[in-house]
Structures are given as structure tokens and as C-alpha cells.
Amino acid sequence: MPIVENMAGRIVDMIREVVNGRAEDEFAAGFDEATRISLSILKKNIDGLHDKIESDSLSDDEQFLLTRLSKIVSEMEKSLHDHWNSAATDEVQS
């Protein structure tokens, strides 16, 4: 019976690996989509302010907002990139 139990244990381990890999793939896809949505909303607002510059001038508040939004996007992109790379590094080390 130890041979059967050993084989059953291996099959269970293989199933777990497949399921865990699938869960990781779904997490990665969700992370990518959330990132894309968040950044696209911010960039849409930045583009709107840039469009206004071409046809008019920005108020002081709008200039501040454009500068701040641009900085936020830059910070988010860096943080998301760093997080993704550290997660990938952690996965490789595991």
C-alpha cells in the first residue's frame, strides 16, 4: 500500500501545483487590469488638461492639478513596477 499512497500523494501534489499556478495567473491578470484602469483614468484627466492648454490657458489651480496628477502617475507607475518586480523576485527565490 505505501506505493499507492506515495502515488496518490504525488498526484495530489501535482494537482495543487496546477491549481496554485492558475491562481497566480489570475492574480497577475487582475493586478495588470487594475493597474491599467487606475492609470488610464489619471492619464485621461491629464490629457484633458493638455487639450485645454492647446486651445486656451490653464488657471493656476489647473496648472497645479496637472503637475500633481503627472507626479502621481509617475509615482504610481514606479511603485507598481517595483511591487511587481519584488513579487516576481520573491517567487523566484521561493
N, C-alpha and C. Protein backbone atom coordinates (compact mmCIF):
# COMPACT_ATOMS: atom_id res chain seq x y z
N MET A 1 0.78 -1.20 0.00
CA MET A 1 0.00 0.00 0.00
C MET A 1 0.84 1.28 0.00
N PRO A 2 2.07 1.27 0.55
CA PRO A 2 2.87 2.50 0.53
C PRO A 2 3.08 3.03 -0.89
N ILE A 3 3.17 2.14 -1.88
CA ILE A 3 3.36 2.59 -3.26
C ILE A 3 2.13 3.36 -3.73
N VAL A 4 0.93 2.86 -3.43
CA VAL A 4 -0.31 3.52 -3.82
C VAL A 4 -0.43 4.86 -3.10
N GLU A 5 -0.13 4.87 -1.81
CA GLU A 5 -0.21 6.12 -1.05
C GLU A 5 0.79 7.14 -1.58
N ASN A 6 1.99 6.68 -1.92
CA ASN A 6 3.01 7.56 -2.47
C ASN A 6 2.55 8.13 -3.81
N MET A 7 1.98 7.29 -4.65
CA MET A 7 1.48 7.74 -5.95
C MET A 7 0.33 8.73 -5.77
N ALA A 8 -0.57 8.43 -4.87
CA ALA A 8 -1.70 9.33 -4.60
C ALA A 8 -1.18 10.67 -4.09
N GLY A 9 -0.19 10.64 -3.24
CA GLY A 9 0.41 11.88 -2.73
C GLY A 9 1.02 12.71 -3.85
N ARG A 10 1.68 12.04 -4.79
CA ARG A 10 2.27 12.75 -5.93
C ARG A 10 1.19 13.37 -6.81
N ILE A 11 0.12 12.64 -7.03
CA ILE A 11 -0.98 13.17 -7.84
C ILE A 11 -1.60 14.40 -7.17
N VAL A 12 -1.81 14.32 -5.87
CA VAL A 12 -2.36 15.46 -5.13
C VAL A 12 -1.41 16.66 -5.22
N ASP A 13 -0.13 16.41 -5.08
CA ASP A 13 0.87 17.50 -5.20
C ASP A 13 0.83 18.14 -6.58
N MET A 14 0.72 17.32 -7.62
CA MET A 14 0.66 17.86 -8.99
C MET A 14 -0.59 18.69 -9.19
N ILE A 15 -1.71 18.22 -8.65
CA ILE A 15 -2.96 18.99 -8.76
C ILE A 15 -2.83 20.32 -8.04
N ARG A 16 -2.24 20.30 -6.86
CA ARG A 16 -2.03 21.55 -6.11
C ARG A 16 -1.17 22.54 -6.90
N GLU A 17 -0.11 22.04 -7.53
CA GLU A 17 0.76 22.91 -8.33
C GLU A 17 -0.01 23.55 -9.47
N VAL A 18 -0.84 22.77 -10.14
CA VAL A 18 -1.64 23.31 -11.26
C VAL A 18 -2.61 24.36 -10.75
N VAL A 19 -3.30 24.06 -9.66
CA VAL A 19 -4.28 25.00 -9.10
C VAL A 19 -3.59 26.27 -8.62
N ASN A 20 -2.47 26.14 -7.93
CA ASN A 20 -1.73 27.32 -7.46
C ASN A 20 -1.23 28.16 -8.63
N GLY A 21 -0.75 27.51 -9.67
CA GLY A 21 -0.29 28.25 -10.85
C GLY A 21 -1.42 29.02 -11.49
N ARG A 22 -2.58 28.41 -11.56
CA ARG A 22 -3.76 29.07 -12.14
C ARG A 22 -4.15 30.28 -11.29
N ALA A 23 -4.15 30.13 -9.98
CA ALA A 23 -4.50 31.22 -9.07
C ALA A 23 -3.50 32.38 -9.23
N GLU A 24 -2.23 32.05 -9.37
CA GLU A 24 -1.21 33.08 -9.56
C GLU A 24 -1.41 33.81 -10.88
N ASP A 25 -1.77 33.06 -11.93
CA ASP A 25 -2.04 33.68 -13.23
C ASP A 25 -3.23 34.63 -13.15
N GLU A 26 -4.28 34.21 -12.44
CA GLU A 26 -5.47 35.06 -12.29
C GLU A 26 -5.13 36.31 -11.48
N PHE A 27 -4.32 36.16 -10.45
CA PHE A 27 -3.90 37.32 -9.65
C PHE A 27 -3.12 38.29 -10.52
N ALA A 28 -2.20 37.77 -11.30
CA ALA A 28 -1.39 38.63 -12.17
C ALA A 28 -2.26 39.36 -13.18
N ALA A 29 -3.23 38.67 -13.75
CA ALA A 29 -4.13 39.30 -14.72
C ALA A 29 -4.96 40.39 -14.04
N GLY A 30 -5.44 40.13 -12.85
CA GLY A 30 -6.21 41.14 -12.10
C GLY A 30 -5.35 42.34 -11.73
N PHE A 31 -4.13 42.09 -11.33
CA PHE A 31 -3.21 43.17 -10.99
C PHE A 31 -2.96 44.05 -12.21
N ASP A 32 -2.72 43.42 -13.35
CA ASP A 32 -2.48 44.18 -14.58
C ASP A 32 -3.70 45.02 -14.96
N GLU A 33 -4.88 44.43 -14.86
CA GLU A 33 -6.10 45.15 -15.23
C GLU A 33 -6.37 46.32 -14.28
N ALA A 34 -6.20 46.10 -12.99
CA ALA A 34 -6.41 47.18 -12.01
C ALA A 34 -5.41 48.31 -12.25
N THR A 35 -4.19 47.96 -12.56
CA THR A 35 -3.16 48.96 -12.87
C THR A 35 -3.55 49.76 -14.10
N ARG A 36 -3.96 49.05 -15.14
CA ARG A 36 -4.33 49.70 -16.39
C ARG A 36 -5.51 50.66 -16.19
N ILE A 37 -6.53 50.21 -15.47
CA ILE A 37 -7.70 51.04 -15.23
C ILE A 37 -7.33 52.29 -14.43
N SER A 38 -6.59 52.10 -13.36
CA SER A 38 -6.22 53.24 -12.50
C SER A 38 -5.41 54.28 -13.25
N LEU A 39 -4.40 53.82 -13.96
CA LEU A 39 -3.55 54.76 -14.68
C LEU A 39 -4.28 55.41 -15.85
N SER A 40 -5.17 54.68 -16.50
CA SER A 40 -5.88 55.27 -17.64
C SER A 40 -6.82 56.38 -17.19
N ILE A 41 -7.42 56.25 -16.03
CA ILE A 41 -8.29 57.31 -15.51
C ILE A 41 -7.48 58.57 -15.23
N LEU A 42 -6.35 58.40 -14.59
CA LEU A 42 -5.49 59.56 -14.32
C LEU A 42 -4.98 60.19 -15.61
N LYS A 43 -4.53 59.35 -16.54
CA LYS A 43 -3.98 59.88 -17.79
C LYS A 43 -5.05 60.56 -18.63
N LYS A 44 -6.28 60.09 -18.55
CA LYS A 44 -7.40 60.73 -19.26
C LYS A 44 -7.59 62.16 -18.75
N ASN A 45 -7.49 62.34 -17.43
CA ASN A 45 -7.61 63.67 -16.86
C ASN A 45 -6.43 64.56 -17.24
N ILE A 46 -5.25 63.99 -17.27
CA ILE A 46 -4.06 64.74 -17.69
C ILE A 46 -4.21 65.16 -19.15
N ASP A 47 -4.66 64.23 -19.99
CA ASP A 47 -4.85 64.55 -21.41
C ASP A 47 -5.86 65.67 -21.59
N GLY A 48 -6.92 65.66 -20.79
CA GLY A 48 -7.93 66.73 -20.85
C GLY A 48 -7.33 68.08 -20.54
N LEU A 49 -6.45 68.11 -19.57
CA LEU A 49 -5.78 69.38 -19.23
C LEU A 49 -4.82 69.79 -20.34
N HIS A 50 -4.12 68.84 -20.94
CA HIS A 50 -3.23 69.16 -22.06
C HIS A 50 -4.02 69.68 -23.26
N ASP A 51 -5.18 69.10 -23.50
CA ASP A 51 -6.04 69.57 -24.58
C ASP A 51 -6.47 71.01 -24.34
N LYS A 52 -6.75 71.33 -23.09
CA LYS A 52 -7.16 72.69 -22.75
C LYS A 52 -6.01 73.67 -22.98
N ILE A 53 -4.79 73.24 -22.72
CA ILE A 53 -3.63 74.11 -22.95
C ILE A 53 -3.54 74.51 -24.41
N GLU A 54 -3.84 73.54 -25.31
CA GLU A 54 -3.75 73.81 -26.74
C GLU A 54 -4.77 74.83 -27.22
N SER A 55 -5.94 74.86 -26.59
CA SER A 55 -6.99 75.77 -27.03
C SER A 55 -7.13 77.00 -26.14
N ASP A 56 -6.55 76.97 -24.99
CA ASP A 56 -6.71 78.05 -24.00
C ASP A 56 -5.52 77.98 -23.04
N SER A 57 -5.63 78.67 -21.97
CA SER A 57 -4.59 78.56 -20.95
C SER A 57 -5.21 77.98 -19.68
N LEU A 58 -4.37 77.43 -18.86
CA LEU A 58 -4.85 76.84 -17.62
C LEU A 58 -4.81 77.86 -16.49
N SER A 59 -5.79 77.76 -15.61
CA SER A 59 -5.77 78.59 -14.40
C SER A 59 -4.66 78.08 -13.49
N ASP A 60 -4.35 78.83 -12.48
CA ASP A 60 -3.33 78.40 -11.52
C ASP A 60 -3.71 77.05 -10.88
N ASP A 61 -4.99 76.90 -10.54
CA ASP A 61 -5.45 75.64 -9.95
C ASP A 61 -5.29 74.48 -10.93
N GLU A 62 -5.62 74.72 -12.20
CA GLU A 62 -5.48 73.67 -13.20
C GLU A 62 -4.02 73.32 -13.46
N GLN A 63 -3.15 74.32 -13.43
CA GLN A 63 -1.72 74.05 -13.60
C GLN A 63 -1.21 73.21 -12.44
N PHE A 64 -1.65 73.56 -11.23
CA PHE A 64 -1.26 72.77 -10.06
C PHE A 64 -1.77 71.34 -10.20
N LEU A 65 -3.05 71.21 -10.61
CA LEU A 65 -3.64 69.89 -10.75
C LEU A 65 -2.90 69.05 -11.80
N LEU A 66 -2.55 69.66 -12.92
CA LEU A 66 -1.81 68.95 -13.97
C LEU A 66 -0.46 68.47 -13.44
N THR A 67 0.23 69.33 -12.76
CA THR A 67 1.53 68.97 -12.19
C THR A 67 1.38 67.84 -11.17
N ARG A 68 0.38 67.96 -10.32
CA ARG A 68 0.18 66.96 -9.27
C ARG A 68 -0.24 65.61 -9.85
N LEU A 69 -1.17 65.63 -10.81
CA LEU A 69 -1.60 64.38 -11.44
C LEU A 69 -0.43 63.70 -12.15
N SER A 70 0.38 64.48 -12.83
CA SER A 70 1.53 63.91 -13.53
C SER A 70 2.49 63.26 -12.55
N LYS A 71 2.70 63.91 -11.41
CA LYS A 71 3.58 63.36 -10.39
C LYS A 71 2.98 62.08 -9.78
N ILE A 72 1.68 62.10 -9.55
CA ILE A 72 1.02 60.91 -9.00
C ILE A 72 1.15 59.73 -9.95
N VAL A 73 0.92 59.97 -11.25
CA VAL A 73 1.05 58.89 -12.23
C VAL A 73 2.47 58.34 -12.23
N SER A 74 3.44 59.22 -12.19
CA SER A 74 4.83 58.78 -12.18
C SER A 74 5.13 57.95 -10.93
N GLU A 75 4.66 58.40 -9.78
CA GLU A 75 4.88 57.67 -8.53
C GLU A 75 4.17 56.31 -8.56
N MET A 76 2.93 56.30 -9.07
CA MET A 76 2.19 55.04 -9.16
C MET A 76 2.88 54.05 -10.08
N GLU A 77 3.30 54.51 -11.24
CA GLU A 77 3.98 53.62 -12.18
C GLU A 77 5.23 53.02 -11.56
N LYS A 78 6.01 53.85 -10.87
CA LYS A 78 7.22 53.35 -10.23
C LYS A 78 6.89 52.35 -9.12
N SER A 79 5.92 52.70 -8.28
CA SER A 79 5.55 51.82 -7.16
C SER A 79 4.99 50.49 -7.66
N LEU A 80 4.13 50.55 -8.68
CA LEU A 80 3.56 49.33 -9.23
C LEU A 80 4.64 48.47 -9.87
N HIS A 81 5.53 49.11 -10.59
CA HIS A 81 6.63 48.39 -11.23
C HIS A 81 7.52 47.74 -10.16
N ASP A 82 7.86 48.50 -9.13
CA ASP A 82 8.70 47.96 -8.06
C ASP A 82 8.01 46.80 -7.34
N HIS A 83 6.71 46.97 -7.08
CA HIS A 83 5.96 45.90 -6.41
C HIS A 83 5.94 44.65 -7.27
N TRP A 84 5.66 44.81 -8.54
CA TRP A 84 5.58 43.66 -9.44
C TRP A 84 6.94 42.95 -9.52
N ASN A 85 8.01 43.74 -9.61
CA ASN A 85 9.35 43.14 -9.69
C ASN A 85 9.71 42.44 -8.39
N SER A 86 9.35 43.02 -7.23
CA SER A 86 9.68 42.37 -5.97
C SER A 86 8.87 41.09 -5.80
N ALA A 87 7.62 41.09 -6.27
CA ALA A 87 6.80 39.88 -6.20
C ALA A 87 7.41 38.79 -7.08
N ALA A 88 7.88 39.17 -8.26
CA ALA A 88 8.50 38.20 -9.16
C ALA A 88 9.79 37.67 -8.57
N THR A 89 10.57 38.55 -7.94
CA THR A 89 11.83 38.14 -7.30
C THR A 89 11.53 37.19 -6.14
N ASP A 90 10.52 37.52 -5.33
CA ASP A 90 10.15 36.64 -4.22
C ASP A 90 9.73 35.27 -4.72
N GLU A 91 9.00 35.25 -5.84
CA GLU A 91 8.53 33.98 -6.40
C GLU A 91 9.70 33.14 -6.88
N VAL A 92 10.68 33.76 -7.50
CA VAL A 92 11.84 33.02 -7.99
C VAL A 92 12.64 32.45 -6.83
N GLN A 93 12.74 33.21 -5.73
CA GLN A 93 13.51 32.77 -4.58
C GLN A 93 12.82 31.66 -3.80
N SER A 94 11.50 31.55 -3.96
CA SER A 94 10.73 30.53 -3.20
C SER A 94 11.00 29.14 -3.72
